Structure formats: structure tokens, C-alpha cells
Amino acid sequence: WMISWSIRALLVVACLLSPVACLVPSAAELKIGYVNLVRVFDEYQRTKDSEQVLEQRGKQKQSELEVRIGELKKMRQNLELLNDQTKEAKSKELEEKSDEFQRIKTKSERDLVRDRNQVAKQILEEIDGAVTAYAKANGFSLVLDQRSLVVGDDVYDLTDEVLKSLNDRYAAGGKKGP
């Protein structure tokens, strides 16, 4: 802290002694705002639409898995009715089908997580671009994420404006899914 104070004092003295005016912006010249990025992400219509599409894909995968579960149950029931020689061969087939089911289930879950992460990344990049564009268009020197603030007056909250800008642009762009 003391070093910071010393550097500031030197800057002030240098500016006072310098024949050239110092171009250090004062706090009054700074235009500052903050955005609740979590709220923007959650309330952005593209996020909602993408979540619906991904949820539908998840339900479709779950339905496919339930059909396979039904097949496996039926095979197990039929296995009990067979003689020992046939039972052994069908037992191996049932084990292979169970292993295949687990692989398909794991792959489906992994694919859904990957898709959700890709969509979230794209949306976050779009939000970042919208915040940057809004800040530049409206002359903001500094825009912070609300999570990094200790105190912030509501007058500096840009969340609604950024969210409206994003949703308007999304609606005008034809609502692309994930």
C-alpha cells in the first residue's frame, strides 16, 4: 500500500511539474457499470430454448434406453425357463447385451454433457460479446461482473439493458437452437 501511495505521489508531482498536461482520467470521467452474468445467462431466451432442446434429446435417449432395459428383462425371464445347456449360451448373450447397454448409456450421458457444455460455452461467449458491445456503444470505461462486487448501487446495474439487447437480437435472428 505504501509503494502504491509513493507512486501516486510521484505521478502527481510529475504532472504538476510537467509542461505537458497529464492525461490521467479522473474518477468523475470514468463511466462504470456492472452486470449480473448469472442472471443474464439464466434469463437469456437462447439459454432457455437450448435447455429445452437438450432436455428433449435426453428424454429421447432415455426412451431408447428403456426399450433396451425391457429387452434385457425379457431375456432374463426367458433364461430361467431354459435347460442348462441352452441357458449357458443365452447367459453369455445376455451378459454381452448388458455390457452393450452400459456402453450405450455411458456414451449417451457423456454426449449430453458434452453438448450442454458446448452450448453453454457458445452462449457465454455471446453474452461476453454483448456486454462488450453495450459498454463500447454506451461509453463505459469499466463493466464488472456483479459477483466481484462488494457493494454496488442499483443505478450502475446494466443487467436489464444487456439482457434486453441479447433477447432482442436473438428474437430478430431467428432463434437458433444448440
C-alpha atoms as a PDB file:
ATOM      1  CA  TRP A   1       0.000   0.000   0.000  1.00  0.00           C
ATOM      2  CA  MET A   2       2.838   2.355   0.851  1.00  0.00           C
ATOM      3  CA  ILE A   3       4.513   1.756  -2.508  1.00  0.00           C
ATOM      4  CA  SER A   4       1.257   2.463  -4.273  1.00  0.00           C
ATOM      5  CA  TRP A   5       0.937   5.753  -2.361  1.00  0.00           C
ATOM      6  CA  SER A   6       4.507   6.702  -3.273  1.00  0.00           C
ATOM      7  CA  ILE A   7       3.949   6.025  -6.948  1.00  0.00           C
ATOM      8  CA  ARG A   8       0.778   8.104  -6.918  1.00  0.00           C
ATOM      9  CA  ALA A   9       2.595  10.982  -5.218  1.00  0.00           C
ATOM     10  CA  LEU A  10       5.359  10.841  -7.840  1.00  0.00           C
ATOM     11  CA  LEU A  11       2.773  10.904 -10.634  1.00  0.00           C
ATOM     12  CA  VAL A  12       1.050  13.947  -9.162  1.00  0.00           C
ATOM     13  CA  VAL A  13       4.370  15.786  -8.745  1.00  0.00           C
ATOM     14  CA  ALA A  14       5.448  14.836 -12.276  1.00  0.00           C
ATOM     15  CA  CYS A  15       2.158  16.085 -13.692  1.00  0.00           C
ATOM     16  CA  LEU A  16       2.408  19.364 -11.806  1.00  0.00           C
ATOM     17  CA  LEU A  17       5.980  19.995 -12.931  1.00  0.00           C
ATOM     18  CA  SER A  18       5.485  18.826 -16.493  1.00  0.00           C
ATOM     19  CA  PRO A  19       4.780  21.430 -19.168  1.00  0.00           C
ATOM     20  CA  VAL A  20       2.561  18.837 -20.906  1.00  0.00           C
ATOM     21  CA  ALA A  21      -0.799  18.176 -19.285  1.00  0.00           C
ATOM     22  CA  CYS A  22      -1.155  14.710 -17.835  1.00  0.00           C
ATOM     23  CA  LEU A  23      -3.840  12.607 -19.428  1.00  0.00           C
ATOM     24  CA  VAL A  24      -4.909  10.733 -16.306  1.00  0.00           C
ATOM     25  CA  PRO A  25      -8.667  10.339 -16.242  1.00  0.00           C
ATOM     26  CA  SER A  26     -10.344  11.377 -13.050  1.00  0.00           C
ATOM     27  CA  ALA A  27     -12.892   9.193 -11.338  1.00  0.00           C
ATOM     28  CA  ALA A  28     -15.594  11.613 -12.481  1.00  0.00           C
ATOM     29  CA  GLU A  29     -14.687  10.858 -16.121  1.00  0.00           C
ATOM     30  CA  LEU A  30     -14.991   7.105 -15.666  1.00  0.00           C
ATOM     31  CA  LYS A  31     -18.287   5.536 -16.598  1.00  0.00           C
ATOM     32  CA  ILE A  32     -18.703   2.357 -14.577  1.00  0.00           C
ATOM     33  CA  GLY A  33     -21.352  -0.341 -14.519  1.00  0.00           C
ATOM     34  CA  TYR A  34     -21.868  -3.944 -13.536  1.00  0.00           C
ATOM     35  CA  VAL A  35     -23.784  -6.916 -14.887  1.00  0.00           C
ATOM     36  CA  ASN A  36     -25.213  -9.961 -13.128  1.00  0.00           C
ATOM     37  CA  LEU A  37     -23.880 -12.514 -15.612  1.00  0.00           C
ATOM     38  CA  VAL A  38     -25.562 -15.458 -13.875  1.00  0.00           C
ATOM     39  CA  ARG A  39     -28.961 -13.787 -14.238  1.00  0.00           C
ATOM     40  CA  VAL A  40     -28.243 -12.839 -17.859  1.00  0.00           C
ATOM     41  CA  PHE A  41     -27.316 -16.449 -18.653  1.00  0.00           C
ATOM     42  CA  ASP A  42     -30.377 -17.864 -16.886  1.00  0.00           C
ATOM     43  CA  GLU A  43     -32.874 -15.376 -18.344  1.00  0.00           C
ATOM     44  CA  TYR A  44     -31.446 -15.265 -21.853  1.00  0.00           C
ATOM     45  CA  GLN A  45     -34.035 -16.822 -24.179  1.00  0.00           C
ATOM     46  CA  ARG A  46     -31.393 -18.751 -26.113  1.00  0.00           C
ATOM     47  CA  THR A  47     -30.360 -20.458 -22.864  1.00  0.00           C
ATOM     48  CA  LYS A  48     -33.971 -21.449 -22.188  1.00  0.00           C
ATOM     49  CA  ASP A  49     -34.535 -22.686 -25.748  1.00  0.00           C
ATOM     50  CA  SER A  50     -31.269 -24.626 -25.778  1.00  0.00           C
ATOM     51  CA  GLU A  51     -32.101 -26.229 -22.438  1.00  0.00           C
ATOM     52  CA  GLN A  52     -35.460 -27.392 -23.820  1.00  0.00           C
ATOM     53  CA  VAL A  53     -33.806 -28.921 -26.879  1.00  0.00           C
ATOM     54  CA  LEU A  54     -31.186 -30.672 -24.754  1.00  0.00           C
ATOM     55  CA  GLU A  55     -33.840 -31.884 -22.316  1.00  0.00           C
ATOM     56  CA  GLN A  56     -35.821 -33.316 -25.233  1.00  0.00           C
ATOM     57  CA  ARG A  57     -32.716 -35.114 -26.500  1.00  0.00           C
ATOM     58  CA  GLY A  58     -32.190 -36.513 -23.014  1.00  0.00           C
ATOM     59  CA  LYS A  59     -35.762 -37.812 -22.872  1.00  0.00           C
ATOM     60  CA  GLN A  60     -35.363 -39.394 -26.307  1.00  0.00           C
ATOM     61  CA  LYS A  61     -32.149 -41.142 -25.213  1.00  0.00           C
ATOM     62  CA  GLN A  62     -33.868 -42.268 -22.007  1.00  0.00           C
ATOM     63  CA  SER A  63     -36.734 -43.761 -24.024  1.00  0.00           C
ATOM     64  CA  GLU A  64     -34.272 -45.652 -26.193  1.00  0.00           C
ATOM     65  CA  LEU A  65     -32.518 -46.961 -23.090  1.00  0.00           C
ATOM     66  CA  GLU A  66     -35.821 -48.052 -21.543  1.00  0.00           C
ATOM     67  CA  VAL A  67     -36.575 -50.158 -24.645  1.00  0.00           C
ATOM     68  CA  ARG A  68     -33.214 -51.882 -24.179  1.00  0.00           C
ATOM     69  CA  ILE A  69     -33.907 -52.409 -20.476  1.00  0.00           C
ATOM     70  CA  GLY A  70     -37.202 -54.085 -21.413  1.00  0.00           C
ATOM     71  CA  GLU A  71     -35.359 -56.372 -23.823  1.00  0.00           C
ATOM     72  CA  LEU A  72     -32.820 -57.298 -21.143  1.00  0.00           C
ATOM     73  CA  LYS A  73     -35.572 -58.061 -18.591  1.00  0.00           C
ATOM     74  CA  LYS A  74     -37.361 -60.257 -21.110  1.00  0.00           C
ATOM     75  CA  MET A  75     -34.125 -62.118 -21.870  1.00  0.00           C
ATOM     76  CA  ARG A  76     -33.564 -62.713 -18.131  1.00  0.00           C
ATOM     77  CA  GLN A  77     -37.079 -64.052 -17.683  1.00  0.00           C
ATOM     78  CA  ASN A  78     -36.709 -66.380 -20.673  1.00  0.00           C
ATOM     79  CA  LEU A  79     -33.324 -67.530 -19.394  1.00  0.00           C
ATOM     80  CA  GLU A  80     -34.889 -69.082 -16.319  1.00  0.00           C
ATOM     81  CA  LEU A  81     -37.138 -71.294 -18.475  1.00  0.00           C
ATOM     82  CA  LEU A  82     -34.280 -72.817 -20.493  1.00  0.00           C
ATOM     83  CA  ASN A  83     -32.362 -76.029 -19.829  1.00  0.00           C
ATOM     84  CA  ASP A  84     -28.791 -75.804 -18.531  1.00  0.00           C
ATOM     85  CA  GLN A  85     -27.058 -76.236 -21.894  1.00  0.00           C
ATOM     86  CA  THR A  86     -29.081 -73.558 -23.661  1.00  0.00           C
ATOM     87  CA  LYS A  87     -29.067 -71.412 -20.533  1.00  0.00           C
ATOM     88  CA  GLU A  88     -25.268 -71.081 -20.642  1.00  0.00           C
ATOM     89  CA  ALA A  89     -25.239 -69.844 -24.261  1.00  0.00           C
ATOM     90  CA  LYS A  90     -28.080 -67.399 -23.633  1.00  0.00           C
ATOM     91  CA  SER A  91     -26.403 -66.258 -20.421  1.00  0.00           C
ATOM     92  CA  LYS A  92     -23.355 -65.143 -22.388  1.00  0.00           C
ATOM     93  CA  GLU A  93     -25.580 -63.350 -24.881  1.00  0.00           C
ATOM     94  CA  LEU A  94     -27.393 -61.619 -22.011  1.00  0.00           C
ATOM     95  CA  GLU A  95     -24.070 -60.545 -20.498  1.00  0.00           C
ATOM     96  CA  GLU A  96     -22.928 -59.113 -23.830  1.00  0.00           C
ATOM     97  CA  LYS A  97     -26.214 -57.229 -24.231  1.00  0.00           C
ATOM     98  CA  SER A  98     -25.870 -55.884 -20.671  1.00  0.00           C
ATOM     99  CA  ASP A  99     -22.342 -54.686 -21.390  1.00  0.00           C
ATOM    100  CA  GLU A 100     -23.509 -53.080 -24.639  1.00  0.00           C
ATOM    101  CA  PHE A 101     -26.343 -51.378 -22.742  1.00  0.00           C
ATOM    102  CA  GLN A 102     -23.879 -49.921 -20.215  1.00  0.00           C
ATOM    103  CA  ARG A 103     -21.626 -48.633 -23.009  1.00  0.00           C
ATOM    104  CA  ILE A 104     -24.564 -47.013 -24.802  1.00  0.00           C
ATOM    105  CA  LYS A 105     -25.849 -45.482 -21.557  1.00  0.00           C
ATOM    106  CA  THR A 106     -22.425 -44.087 -20.651  1.00  0.00           C
ATOM    107  CA  LYS A 107     -21.904 -42.712 -24.165  1.00  0.00           C
ATOM    108  CA  SER A 108     -25.355 -41.095 -24.168  1.00  0.00           C
ATOM    109  CA  GLU A 109     -24.707 -39.405 -20.829  1.00  0.00           C
ATOM    110  CA  ARG A 110     -21.281 -38.233 -21.952  1.00  0.00           C
ATOM    111  CA  ASP A 111     -22.687 -36.904 -25.243  1.00  0.00           C
ATOM    112  CA  LEU A 112     -25.410 -34.944 -23.453  1.00  0.00           C
ATOM    113  CA  VAL A 113     -22.895 -33.404 -21.038  1.00  0.00           C
ATOM    114  CA  ARG A 114     -20.585 -32.516 -23.939  1.00  0.00           C
ATOM    115  CA  ASP A 115     -23.448 -30.934 -25.898  1.00  0.00           C
ATOM    116  CA  ARG A 116     -24.622 -28.974 -22.849  1.00  0.00           C
ATOM    117  CA  ASN A 117     -21.076 -27.700 -22.219  1.00  0.00           C
ATOM    118  CA  GLN A 118     -20.612 -26.665 -25.864  1.00  0.00           C
ATOM    119  CA  VAL A 119     -23.901 -24.775 -25.896  1.00  0.00           C
ATOM    120  CA  ALA A 120     -23.122 -23.079 -22.563  1.00  0.00           C
ATOM    121  CA  LYS A 121     -19.699 -22.030 -23.886  1.00  0.00           C
ATOM    122  CA  GLN A 122     -21.254 -20.531 -27.032  1.00  0.00           C
ATOM    123  CA  ILE A 123     -23.869 -18.688 -25.001  1.00  0.00           C
ATOM    124  CA  LEU A 124     -21.265 -17.321 -22.572  1.00  0.00           C
ATOM    125  CA  GLU A 125     -19.156 -16.087 -25.490  1.00  0.00           C
ATOM    126  CA  GLU A 126     -22.227 -14.419 -26.967  1.00  0.00           C
ATOM    127  CA  ILE A 127     -23.031 -12.781 -23.617  1.00  0.00           C
ATOM    128  CA  ASP A 128     -19.442 -11.565 -23.309  1.00  0.00           C
ATOM    129  CA  GLY A 129     -19.661 -10.055 -26.783  1.00  0.00           C
ATOM    130  CA  ALA A 130     -22.979  -8.378 -25.967  1.00  0.00           C
ATOM    131  CA  VAL A 131     -21.611  -6.861 -22.748  1.00  0.00           C
ATOM    132  CA  THR A 132     -18.549  -5.581 -24.609  1.00  0.00           C
ATOM    133  CA  ALA A 133     -20.655  -4.141 -27.437  1.00  0.00           C
ATOM    134  CA  TYR A 134     -23.045  -2.496 -24.976  1.00  0.00           C
ATOM    135  CA  ALA A 135     -20.159  -0.998 -22.994  1.00  0.00           C
ATOM    136  CA  LYS A 136     -18.498   0.419 -26.120  1.00  0.00           C
ATOM    137  CA  ALA A 137     -21.746   1.731 -27.588  1.00  0.00           C
ATOM    138  CA  ASN A 138     -22.642   3.494 -24.349  1.00  0.00           C
ATOM    139  CA  GLY A 139     -19.203   4.832 -23.425  1.00  0.00           C
ATOM    140  CA  PHE A 140     -18.487   2.681 -20.385  1.00  0.00           C
ATOM    141  CA  SER A 141     -14.883   2.671 -19.184  1.00  0.00           C
ATOM    142  CA  LEU A 142     -15.390  -0.294 -16.899  1.00  0.00           C
ATOM    143  CA  VAL A 143     -18.026  -3.037 -16.616  1.00  0.00           C
ATOM    144  CA  LEU A 144     -17.730  -5.588 -13.817  1.00  0.00           C
ATOM    145  CA  ASP A 145     -19.394  -8.888 -13.048  1.00  0.00           C
ATOM    146  CA  GLN A 146     -21.696  -8.403 -10.061  1.00  0.00           C
ATOM    147  CA  ARG A 147     -20.135 -11.426  -8.323  1.00  0.00           C
ATOM    148  CA  SER A 148     -16.879  -9.477  -7.947  1.00  0.00           C
ATOM    149  CA  LEU A 149     -18.553  -6.516  -6.246  1.00  0.00           C
ATOM    150  CA  VAL A 150     -18.764  -5.990  -2.541  1.00  0.00           C
ATOM    151  CA  VAL A 151     -21.174  -3.077  -2.899  1.00  0.00           C
ATOM    152  CA  GLY A 152     -22.879  -1.786  -5.995  1.00  0.00           C
ATOM    153  CA  ASP A 153     -25.597   0.812  -6.297  1.00  0.00           C
ATOM    154  CA  ASP A 154     -28.513  -0.311  -8.474  1.00  0.00           C
ATOM    155  CA  VAL A 155     -28.072   2.754 -10.664  1.00  0.00           C
ATOM    156  CA  TYR A 156     -24.912   1.126 -12.086  1.00  0.00           C
ATOM    157  CA  ASP A 157     -26.616  -2.227 -12.805  1.00  0.00           C
ATOM    158  CA  LEU A 158     -26.646  -2.829 -16.566  1.00  0.00           C
ATOM    159  CA  THR A 159     -28.113  -6.330 -16.380  1.00  0.00           C
ATOM    160  CA  ASP A 160     -31.580  -5.482 -17.707  1.00  0.00           C
ATOM    161  CA  GLU A 161     -30.214  -3.464 -20.635  1.00  0.00           C
ATOM    162  CA  VAL A 162     -27.750  -6.188 -21.657  1.00  0.00           C
ATOM    163  CA  LEU A 163     -30.400  -8.889 -21.282  1.00  0.00           C
ATOM    164  CA  LYS A 164     -32.887  -6.915 -23.390  1.00  0.00           C
ATOM    165  CA  SER A 165     -30.239  -6.356 -26.060  1.00  0.00           C
ATOM    166  CA  LEU A 166     -29.392 -10.080 -26.175  1.00  0.00           C
ATOM    167  CA  ASN A 167     -33.015 -11.227 -26.260  1.00  0.00           C
ATOM    168  CA  ASP A 168     -33.951  -8.676 -28.927  1.00  0.00           C
ATOM    169  CA  ARG A 169     -31.033  -9.747 -31.110  1.00  0.00           C
ATOM    170  CA  TYR A 170     -31.856 -13.429 -30.544  1.00  0.00           C
ATOM    171  CA  ALA A 171     -35.527 -12.914 -31.456  1.00  0.00           C
ATOM    172  CA  ALA A 172     -34.558 -10.977 -34.583  1.00  0.00           C
ATOM    173  CA  GLY A 173     -32.012 -13.614 -35.594  1.00  0.00           C
ATOM    174  CA  GLY A 174     -34.495 -16.443 -35.948  1.00  0.00           C
ATOM    175  CA  LYS A 175     -33.876 -18.309 -32.675  1.00  0.00           C
ATOM    176  CA  LYS A 176     -31.166 -20.834 -33.393  1.00  0.00           C
ATOM    177  CA  GLY A 177     -31.062 -23.923 -31.165  1.00  0.00           C
ATOM    178  CA  PRO A 178     -27.999 -25.658 -29.738  1.00  0.00           C
END
